[in-house]
Amino acid sequence: MRTPDPGDHEVAATSNASSSPTLHWTWLGVAALLAQIGAVYFIDAEGALGLTRRIVIPLTVALAVAFALRNQHLWGLRLMAAGLLLNLLTICANGGLMPVSPEDVAAVNMLDRIDNVHLGQPIPGSKGILTAPHDARLWVLSDIIVFPPRSPVAKVVSAGDLLVLGGLVIACAEVIGTVRGRTAADRP
């Protein structure tokens, strides 16, 4: 059995340490998420702070990768790490923001989000940059998957985003399944 690192902050799903999925460094995952939300919604997309957004977004994704890899004992977090790495690679290759085309934004009826935004400029309230497909690096990994307006989620996402979502669902199922298994085993 591993001796806990003094920097570990663990959240155990059950009291049975031998079978419980334990999340390590939860503080890092939460900090990365909050910093990214702050960067997207509270840091101006242009000007000196726009440069800050281009630094903070990749940094927060890298921190989320570290969190996911630290918890790779959960298969869902392995999948999440893969998706986050794909997104990080694409974001870094494109100057710190995720490319999305005007056509894809139009396909989800969100043209109001890109009013007064020109190609090569960050999109306010997102981690995206408006880019023509031929100008984006690693275009196939960027936000190119369109969920149409009539779907439950009208959005443009990347393959990495789908892996992150799938990993999150699997990780939740792993934790819930362990808790249910323990609860059933504890009954007489």
Protein backbone atom coordinates (compact mmCIF):
# COMPACT_ATOMS: atom_id res chain seq x y z
CA MET A 1 0.00 0.00 0.00
CA ARG A 2 1.28 3.46 -0.89
CA THR A 3 2.16 5.96 1.82
CA PRO A 4 0.22 9.17 1.22
CA ASP A 5 2.19 12.11 -0.06
CA PRO A 6 1.85 15.15 2.26
CA GLY A 7 0.59 17.12 -0.75
CA ASP A 8 -2.14 14.61 -1.56
CA HIS A 9 -5.68 15.70 -0.95
CA GLU A 10 -7.79 12.65 -1.41
CA VAL A 11 -11.48 12.13 -1.81
CA ALA A 12 -12.38 8.49 -1.22
CA ALA A 13 -15.60 7.12 -2.65
CA THR A 14 -15.81 4.40 0.00
CA SER A 15 -14.26 3.48 3.30
CA ASN A 16 -12.74 0.28 1.88
CA ALA A 17 -9.28 1.49 0.83
CA SER A 18 -8.40 -1.65 -1.13
CA SER A 19 -11.26 -1.32 -3.63
CA SER A 20 -12.16 2.34 -3.51
CA PRO A 21 -11.43 4.68 -6.36
CA THR A 22 -9.62 7.57 -4.71
CA LEU A 23 -9.14 10.95 -6.31
CA HIS A 24 -5.76 12.50 -5.65
CA TRP A 25 -4.92 16.18 -6.00
CA THR A 26 -8.56 17.21 -6.21
CA TRP A 27 -7.44 20.74 -5.35
CA LEU A 28 -5.49 20.82 -8.64
CA GLY A 29 -8.48 19.73 -10.74
CA VAL A 30 -10.73 22.29 -9.06
CA ALA A 31 -8.12 25.07 -9.36
CA ALA A 32 -7.59 24.34 -13.07
CA LEU A 33 -11.34 24.44 -13.73
CA LEU A 34 -11.88 27.68 -11.80
CA ALA A 35 -8.87 29.38 -13.40
CA GLN A 36 -10.11 28.43 -16.86
CA ILE A 37 -13.60 29.75 -16.13
CA GLY A 38 -12.03 32.97 -14.86
CA ALA A 39 -9.86 33.29 -17.96
CA VAL A 40 -12.76 32.70 -20.34
CA TYR A 41 -15.33 34.92 -18.67
CA PHE A 42 -13.35 37.58 -16.82
CA ILE A 43 -10.18 38.22 -18.84
CA ASP A 44 -10.68 40.52 -21.80
CA ALA A 45 -10.12 38.74 -25.13
CA GLU A 46 -8.05 41.54 -26.63
CA GLY A 47 -5.28 43.82 -25.48
CA ALA A 48 -2.68 42.97 -22.86
CA LEU A 49 -5.11 40.69 -21.02
CA GLY A 50 -5.83 38.82 -24.26
CA LEU A 51 -2.24 37.65 -24.11
CA THR A 52 -2.93 36.52 -20.55
CA ARG A 53 -5.86 34.39 -21.80
CA ARG A 54 -3.54 32.78 -24.36
CA ILE A 55 -1.24 31.79 -21.49
CA VAL A 56 -3.84 30.86 -18.87
CA ILE A 57 -5.94 28.58 -21.11
CA PRO A 58 -3.08 26.20 -22.05
CA LEU A 59 -1.78 26.31 -18.49
CA THR A 60 -5.15 25.29 -17.04
CA VAL A 61 -5.50 22.47 -19.56
CA ALA A 62 -1.99 21.27 -18.65
CA LEU A 63 -2.95 21.32 -14.95
CA ALA A 64 -6.09 19.31 -15.74
CA VAL A 65 -3.90 16.78 -17.60
CA ALA A 66 -1.68 16.49 -14.50
CA PHE A 67 -4.77 15.89 -12.34
CA ALA A 68 -6.12 13.24 -14.74
CA LEU A 69 -2.77 11.46 -15.02
CA ARG A 70 -2.34 11.44 -11.23
CA ASN A 71 -5.66 9.60 -11.11
CA GLN A 72 -5.03 7.19 -13.96
CA HIS A 73 -6.11 4.27 -11.77
CA LEU A 74 -9.59 5.29 -12.96
CA TRP A 75 -10.05 4.35 -16.61
CA GLY A 76 -12.33 7.31 -17.15
CA LEU A 77 -9.59 9.71 -16.12
CA ARG A 78 -7.18 8.00 -18.53
CA LEU A 79 -9.64 8.74 -21.31
CA MET A 80 -10.03 12.29 -20.00
CA ALA A 81 -6.25 12.75 -20.02
CA ALA A 82 -6.11 11.64 -23.66
CA GLY A 83 -8.79 14.16 -24.64
CA LEU A 84 -7.15 16.94 -22.65
CA LEU A 85 -3.78 16.18 -24.28
CA LEU A 86 -5.35 16.40 -27.76
CA ASN A 87 -6.92 19.74 -26.83
CA LEU A 88 -3.67 21.01 -25.30
CA LEU A 89 -1.71 20.06 -28.40
CA THR A 90 -4.20 21.87 -30.65
CA ILE A 91 -4.43 24.93 -28.40
CA CYS A 92 -0.64 25.27 -28.16
CA ALA A 93 -0.23 24.83 -31.92
CA ASN A 94 -2.66 27.71 -32.47
CA GLY A 95 -1.26 30.38 -30.19
CA GLY A 96 -3.01 29.41 -26.97
CA LEU A 97 -6.63 29.22 -28.14
CA MET A 98 -8.78 26.56 -29.85
CA PRO A 99 -9.57 27.27 -33.52
CA VAL A 100 -13.18 27.33 -34.70
CA SER A 101 -14.44 28.37 -38.13
CA PRO A 102 -17.12 31.00 -38.78
CA GLU A 103 -19.05 28.35 -40.74
CA ASP A 104 -19.19 26.04 -37.73
CA VAL A 105 -20.29 28.89 -35.45
CA ALA A 106 -23.03 29.70 -37.97
CA ALA A 107 -24.09 26.03 -38.09
CA VAL A 108 -25.07 26.21 -34.41
CA ASN A 109 -26.84 29.57 -34.81
CA MET A 110 -24.34 31.45 -32.64
CA LEU A 111 -23.38 34.19 -35.06
CA ASP A 112 -24.11 36.76 -32.34
CA ARG A 113 -21.05 35.36 -30.47
CA ILE A 114 -18.78 36.44 -33.33
CA ASP A 115 -20.28 39.85 -34.15
CA ASN A 116 -17.34 42.22 -34.69
CA VAL A 117 -14.84 39.33 -34.40
CA HIS A 118 -12.53 38.97 -37.38
CA LEU A 119 -10.50 35.95 -38.45
CA GLY A 120 -7.54 35.50 -36.13
CA GLN A 121 -9.25 37.16 -33.15
CA PRO A 122 -10.31 35.49 -29.90
CA ILE A 123 -14.02 34.84 -29.46
CA PRO A 124 -15.36 36.59 -26.34
CA GLY A 125 -16.63 34.27 -23.62
CA SER A 126 -14.88 31.21 -25.04
CA LYS A 127 -11.45 29.67 -25.35
CA GLY A 128 -11.77 29.79 -29.12
CA ILE A 129 -10.18 31.82 -31.85
CA LEU A 130 -12.02 32.48 -35.11
CA THR A 131 -9.98 30.79 -37.80
CA ALA A 132 -10.41 29.74 -41.41
CA PRO A 133 -9.89 25.98 -41.69
CA HIS A 134 -6.85 26.35 -43.95
CA ASP A 135 -5.16 28.69 -41.44
CA ALA A 136 -5.53 26.46 -38.37
CA ARG A 137 -2.84 24.03 -37.31
CA LEU A 138 -4.11 20.52 -36.47
CA TRP A 139 -7.53 21.49 -37.81
CA VAL A 140 -8.84 17.93 -37.50
CA LEU A 141 -8.34 18.15 -33.71
CA SER A 142 -9.93 21.59 -33.34
CA ASP A 143 -13.57 22.49 -32.70
CA ILE A 144 -15.08 21.01 -35.86
CA ILE A 145 -17.79 18.66 -34.56
CA VAL A 146 -21.13 20.43 -34.80
CA PHE A 147 -24.11 19.60 -32.61
CA PRO A 148 -27.00 21.29 -34.46
CA PRO A 149 -29.27 23.90 -32.88
CA ARG A 150 -32.13 21.46 -32.33
CA SER A 151 -29.92 19.04 -30.37
CA PRO A 152 -29.82 19.15 -26.56
CA VAL A 153 -26.43 20.86 -26.79
CA ALA A 154 -26.06 23.30 -29.69
CA LYS A 155 -22.31 23.59 -29.70
CA VAL A 156 -19.11 23.10 -31.69
CA VAL A 157 -16.68 20.74 -29.98
CA SER A 158 -13.44 18.88 -30.65
CA ALA A 159 -12.63 15.17 -30.62
CA GLY A 160 -10.71 15.89 -27.42
CA ASP A 161 -13.85 17.38 -25.84
CA LEU A 162 -15.76 14.18 -26.62
CA LEU A 163 -13.01 12.08 -25.01
CA VAL A 164 -13.08 14.34 -21.94
CA LEU A 165 -16.87 13.99 -21.67
CA GLY A 166 -16.75 10.23 -22.19
CA GLY A 167 -13.98 9.94 -19.60
CA LEU A 168 -15.97 11.96 -17.10
CA VAL A 169 -19.03 9.74 -17.57
CA ILE A 170 -16.91 6.58 -17.19
CA ALA A 171 -15.11 7.94 -14.10
CA CYS A 172 -18.45 8.79 -12.48
CA ALA A 173 -19.72 5.29 -13.29
CA GLU A 174 -16.56 3.79 -11.78
CA VAL A 175 -17.00 5.71 -8.54
CA ILE A 176 -20.77 5.13 -8.33
CA GLY A 177 -20.35 1.43 -9.18
CA THR A 178 -17.83 0.99 -6.38
CA VAL A 179 -20.10 2.75 -3.90
CA ARG A 180 -23.09 0.63 -4.97
CA GLY A 181 -21.01 -2.55 -4.81
CA ARG A 182 -19.84 -1.72 -1.31
CA THR A 183 -23.36 -0.85 -0.19
CA ALA A 184 -24.73 -4.16 -1.52
CA ALA A 185 -21.86 -6.12 0.05
CA ASP A 186 -22.47 -4.47 3.43
CA ARG A 187 -26.08 -5.73 3.59
CA PRO A 188 -26.77 -8.92 5.57
